[in-house]
Amino acid sequence: MSTMLLITHEVRDYDAWKPGFDANQAARDAAGFTLAFVGQDSVNPNIVHAGFHVPSATAAHAFLESPGLKEAMAAAGVISELDARIVEIA
């Protein structure tokens, strides 16, 4: 069984947000995350969906609660609450 973290949030401007997302790659690497996909909503291109393969639900929770995450998200232009789902893939 594998574990994924699925996230959705709204950003001010996708094209301005993406470099900030890319700049946080080192933190995701350190947490053992592998990007499965990142994309834009088909109706509102400023709603972002991303999926990550993660080592465990515990690792996903720890990353979501990490001190720098909210700051990195705000700096990149995230304007909504993060909707995060941890999914066990059968």
N, C-alpha and C. Protein backbone atom coordinates (compact mmCIF):
# COMPACT_ATOMS: atom_id res chain seq x y z
N MET A 1 0.85 -1.17 0.00
CA MET A 1 0.00 0.00 0.00
C MET A 1 0.90 1.24 0.00
N SER A 2 0.50 2.24 -0.73
CA SER A 2 1.26 3.49 -0.76
C SER A 2 0.38 4.64 -0.26
N THR A 3 1.03 5.73 0.07
CA THR A 3 0.33 6.88 0.64
C THR A 3 0.55 8.09 -0.26
N MET A 4 -0.52 8.86 -0.46
CA MET A 4 -0.43 10.10 -1.22
C MET A 4 -1.00 11.25 -0.41
N LEU A 5 -0.46 12.42 -0.66
CA LEU A 5 -1.01 13.66 -0.13
C LEU A 5 -1.59 14.42 -1.32
N LEU A 6 -2.87 14.74 -1.24
CA LEU A 6 -3.55 15.50 -2.29
C LEU A 6 -3.90 16.87 -1.71
N ILE A 7 -3.53 17.91 -2.41
CA ILE A 7 -3.82 19.26 -1.93
C ILE A 7 -4.54 20.08 -2.99
N THR A 8 -5.35 21.01 -2.50
CA THR A 8 -6.04 21.98 -3.34
C THR A 8 -6.03 23.31 -2.60
N HIS A 9 -5.73 24.36 -3.31
CA HIS A 9 -5.87 25.71 -2.76
C HIS A 9 -5.95 26.70 -3.90
N GLU A 10 -6.40 27.92 -3.57
CA GLU A 10 -6.50 28.98 -4.57
C GLU A 10 -5.32 29.92 -4.42
N VAL A 11 -4.81 30.36 -5.56
CA VAL A 11 -3.69 31.29 -5.58
C VAL A 11 -4.10 32.58 -6.28
N ARG A 12 -3.37 33.64 -5.99
CA ARG A 12 -3.67 34.92 -6.63
C ARG A 12 -3.50 34.83 -8.14
N ASP A 13 -2.40 34.21 -8.57
CA ASP A 13 -2.09 34.09 -9.99
C ASP A 13 -1.20 32.86 -10.17
N TYR A 14 -1.67 31.88 -10.95
CA TYR A 14 -0.95 30.62 -11.10
C TYR A 14 0.48 30.85 -11.60
N ASP A 15 0.63 31.68 -12.62
CA ASP A 15 1.96 31.89 -13.20
C ASP A 15 2.93 32.53 -12.20
N ALA A 16 2.42 33.36 -11.31
CA ALA A 16 3.26 33.95 -10.26
C ALA A 16 3.50 32.95 -9.13
N TRP A 17 2.53 32.07 -8.87
CA TRP A 17 2.63 31.08 -7.79
C TRP A 17 3.64 29.98 -8.10
N LYS A 18 3.68 29.51 -9.35
CA LYS A 18 4.46 28.32 -9.71
C LYS A 18 5.94 28.44 -9.34
N PRO A 19 6.62 29.56 -9.59
CA PRO A 19 8.03 29.65 -9.17
C PRO A 19 8.21 29.51 -7.66
N GLY A 20 7.27 30.02 -6.87
CA GLY A 20 7.34 29.86 -5.43
C GLY A 20 7.17 28.41 -5.02
N PHE A 21 6.26 27.72 -5.69
CA PHE A 21 6.07 26.28 -5.44
C PHE A 21 7.36 25.53 -5.77
N ASP A 22 7.93 25.83 -6.91
CA ASP A 22 9.17 25.16 -7.32
C ASP A 22 10.31 25.44 -6.34
N ALA A 23 10.34 26.64 -5.78
CA ALA A 23 11.41 27.03 -4.85
C ALA A 23 11.36 26.24 -3.54
N ASN A 24 10.22 25.65 -3.23
CA ASN A 24 10.07 24.88 -1.99
C ASN A 24 10.39 23.40 -2.19
N GLN A 25 10.97 23.06 -3.33
CA GLN A 25 11.27 21.66 -3.65
C GLN A 25 12.20 21.01 -2.62
N ALA A 26 13.18 21.76 -2.12
CA ALA A 26 14.13 21.18 -1.16
C ALA A 26 13.42 20.70 0.10
N ALA A 27 12.41 21.43 0.54
CA ALA A 27 11.65 21.01 1.73
C ALA A 27 10.87 19.73 1.45
N ARG A 28 10.30 19.64 0.25
CA ARG A 28 9.56 18.42 -0.11
C ARG A 28 10.51 17.24 -0.25
N ASP A 29 11.68 17.47 -0.84
CA ASP A 29 12.68 16.41 -0.95
C ASP A 29 13.11 15.91 0.43
N ALA A 30 13.35 16.84 1.34
CA ALA A 30 13.79 16.47 2.69
C ALA A 30 12.73 15.65 3.42
N ALA A 31 11.46 15.88 3.08
CA ALA A 31 10.36 15.14 3.70
C ALA A 31 10.11 13.80 3.01
N GLY A 32 10.82 13.55 1.90
CA GLY A 32 10.64 12.29 1.17
C GLY A 32 9.47 12.29 0.21
N PHE A 33 9.01 13.48 -0.18
CA PHE A 33 7.87 13.59 -1.09
C PHE A 33 8.33 13.50 -2.54
N THR A 34 7.52 12.88 -3.38
CA THR A 34 7.73 12.84 -4.82
C THR A 34 6.48 13.40 -5.49
N LEU A 35 6.65 14.40 -6.32
CA LEU A 35 5.51 15.01 -7.00
C LEU A 35 4.93 14.04 -8.02
N ALA A 36 3.63 13.79 -7.92
CA ALA A 36 2.93 12.96 -8.90
C ALA A 36 2.30 13.84 -9.97
N PHE A 37 1.73 14.97 -9.55
CA PHE A 37 1.12 15.89 -10.51
C PHE A 37 0.92 17.24 -9.85
N VAL A 38 0.87 18.27 -10.67
CA VAL A 38 0.42 19.59 -10.26
C VAL A 38 -0.35 20.15 -11.45
N GLY A 39 -1.50 20.74 -11.19
CA GLY A 39 -2.30 21.25 -12.29
C GLY A 39 -3.29 22.30 -11.83
N GLN A 40 -3.94 22.87 -12.82
CA GLN A 40 -4.91 23.93 -12.59
C GLN A 40 -6.31 23.39 -12.78
N ASP A 41 -7.25 23.95 -12.04
CA ASP A 41 -8.65 23.60 -12.18
C ASP A 41 -9.13 23.96 -13.59
N SER A 42 -10.03 23.18 -14.13
CA SER A 42 -10.50 23.42 -15.50
C SER A 42 -11.41 24.64 -15.60
N VAL A 43 -12.01 25.06 -14.50
CA VAL A 43 -12.90 26.22 -14.52
C VAL A 43 -12.18 27.48 -14.04
N ASN A 44 -11.46 27.37 -12.93
CA ASN A 44 -10.72 28.50 -12.37
C ASN A 44 -9.24 28.15 -12.37
N PRO A 45 -8.45 28.71 -13.29
CA PRO A 45 -7.04 28.33 -13.39
C PRO A 45 -6.20 28.74 -12.19
N ASN A 46 -6.76 29.52 -11.27
CA ASN A 46 -6.03 29.89 -10.07
C ASN A 46 -6.32 28.95 -8.90
N ILE A 47 -7.08 27.90 -9.14
CA ILE A 47 -7.23 26.83 -8.15
C ILE A 47 -6.26 25.74 -8.55
N VAL A 48 -5.36 25.42 -7.63
CA VAL A 48 -4.27 24.49 -7.89
C VAL A 48 -4.55 23.16 -7.21
N HIS A 49 -4.27 22.08 -7.93
CA HIS A 49 -4.36 20.73 -7.39
C HIS A 49 -2.98 20.10 -7.53
N ALA A 50 -2.52 19.43 -6.48
CA ALA A 50 -1.23 18.74 -6.54
C ALA A 50 -1.33 17.44 -5.77
N GLY A 51 -0.59 16.46 -6.25
CA GLY A 51 -0.53 15.17 -5.58
C GLY A 51 0.92 14.76 -5.38
N PHE A 52 1.20 14.19 -4.22
CA PHE A 52 2.56 13.77 -3.88
C PHE A 52 2.52 12.34 -3.34
N HIS A 53 3.47 11.54 -3.76
CA HIS A 53 3.71 10.26 -3.10
C HIS A 53 4.51 10.61 -1.85
N VAL A 54 4.07 10.10 -0.70
CA VAL A 54 4.73 10.42 0.57
C VAL A 54 5.10 9.13 1.29
N PRO A 55 6.12 9.18 2.16
CA PRO A 55 6.56 7.97 2.83
C PRO A 55 5.50 7.37 3.76
N SER A 56 4.67 8.24 4.36
CA SER A 56 3.66 7.75 5.31
C SER A 56 2.69 8.88 5.63
N ALA A 57 1.57 8.52 6.23
CA ALA A 57 0.62 9.53 6.69
C ALA A 57 1.27 10.41 7.75
N THR A 58 2.10 9.81 8.60
CA THR A 58 2.79 10.57 9.64
C THR A 58 3.70 11.63 9.02
N ALA A 59 4.42 11.27 7.97
CA ALA A 59 5.30 12.23 7.28
C ALA A 59 4.48 13.35 6.65
N ALA A 60 3.33 13.02 6.08
CA ALA A 60 2.48 14.04 5.47
C ALA A 60 1.97 15.00 6.53
N HIS A 61 1.50 14.47 7.66
CA HIS A 61 1.02 15.33 8.75
C HIS A 61 2.13 16.24 9.26
N ALA A 62 3.33 15.69 9.43
CA ALA A 62 4.46 16.49 9.92
C ALA A 62 4.78 17.62 8.95
N PHE A 63 4.76 17.34 7.66
CA PHE A 63 5.05 18.37 6.66
C PHE A 63 3.98 19.46 6.70
N LEU A 64 2.72 19.05 6.78
CA LEU A 64 1.63 20.02 6.80
C LEU A 64 1.68 20.92 8.03
N GLU A 65 2.26 20.43 9.11
CA GLU A 65 2.37 21.21 10.35
C GLU A 65 3.72 21.91 10.49
N SER A 66 4.60 21.78 9.49
CA SER A 66 5.93 22.37 9.60
C SER A 66 5.84 23.90 9.63
N PRO A 67 6.70 24.53 10.42
CA PRO A 67 6.62 25.98 10.64
C PRO A 67 6.72 26.82 9.38
N GLY A 68 7.55 26.43 8.43
CA GLY A 68 7.76 27.26 7.26
C GLY A 68 6.73 27.11 6.16
N LEU A 69 5.87 26.10 6.25
CA LEU A 69 4.95 25.84 5.14
C LEU A 69 3.98 26.99 4.91
N LYS A 70 3.30 27.45 5.95
CA LYS A 70 2.34 28.54 5.77
C LYS A 70 3.03 29.80 5.24
N GLU A 71 4.23 30.07 5.73
CA GLU A 71 4.98 31.23 5.25
C GLU A 71 5.32 31.09 3.77
N ALA A 72 5.78 29.90 3.37
CA ALA A 72 6.12 29.66 1.96
C ALA A 72 4.88 29.78 1.08
N MET A 73 3.76 29.26 1.56
CA MET A 73 2.52 29.34 0.79
C MET A 73 2.07 30.79 0.63
N ALA A 74 2.12 31.56 1.72
CA ALA A 74 1.71 32.96 1.65
C ALA A 74 2.63 33.75 0.71
N ALA A 75 3.93 33.50 0.80
CA ALA A 75 4.89 34.20 -0.06
C ALA A 75 4.67 33.87 -1.53
N ALA A 76 4.19 32.65 -1.82
CA ALA A 76 3.95 32.24 -3.20
C ALA A 76 2.62 32.75 -3.74
N GLY A 77 1.76 33.27 -2.86
CA GLY A 77 0.50 33.84 -3.32
C GLY A 77 -0.72 32.99 -3.07
N VAL A 78 -0.66 32.04 -2.14
CA VAL A 78 -1.84 31.24 -1.80
C VAL A 78 -2.80 32.15 -1.04
N ILE A 79 -4.09 32.15 -1.47
CA ILE A 79 -5.07 33.05 -0.86
C ILE A 79 -6.22 32.32 -0.19
N SER A 80 -6.17 31.00 -0.13
CA SER A 80 -7.24 30.24 0.52
C SER A 80 -6.64 29.28 1.54
N GLU A 81 -7.51 28.71 2.34
CA GLU A 81 -7.07 27.65 3.24
C GLU A 81 -6.66 26.45 2.41
N LEU A 82 -5.72 25.71 2.91
CA LEU A 82 -5.25 24.50 2.25
C LEU A 82 -6.24 23.37 2.51
N ASP A 83 -6.69 22.72 1.45
CA ASP A 83 -7.49 21.50 1.57
C ASP A 83 -6.54 20.35 1.31
N ALA A 84 -6.20 19.63 2.35
CA ALA A 84 -5.22 18.53 2.24
C ALA A 84 -5.89 17.22 2.60
N ARG A 85 -5.67 16.21 1.79
CA ARG A 85 -6.20 14.87 2.02
C ARG A 85 -5.05 13.88 1.95
N ILE A 86 -4.97 13.02 2.94
CA ILE A 86 -3.97 11.96 2.94
C ILE A 86 -4.71 10.68 2.59
N VAL A 87 -4.25 10.03 1.53
CA VAL A 87 -4.96 8.88 0.96
C VAL A 87 -4.05 7.66 0.96
N GLU A 88 -4.57 6.57 1.48
CA GLU A 88 -3.87 5.28 1.40
C GLU A 88 -4.33 4.60 0.11
N ILE A 89 -3.42 4.34 -0.80
CA ILE A 89 -3.73 3.74 -2.09
C ILE A 89 -3.63 2.22 -1.95
N ALA A 90 -4.71 1.54 -2.26
CA ALA A 90 -4.73 0.08 -2.14
C ALA A 90 -4.10 -0.57 -3.37
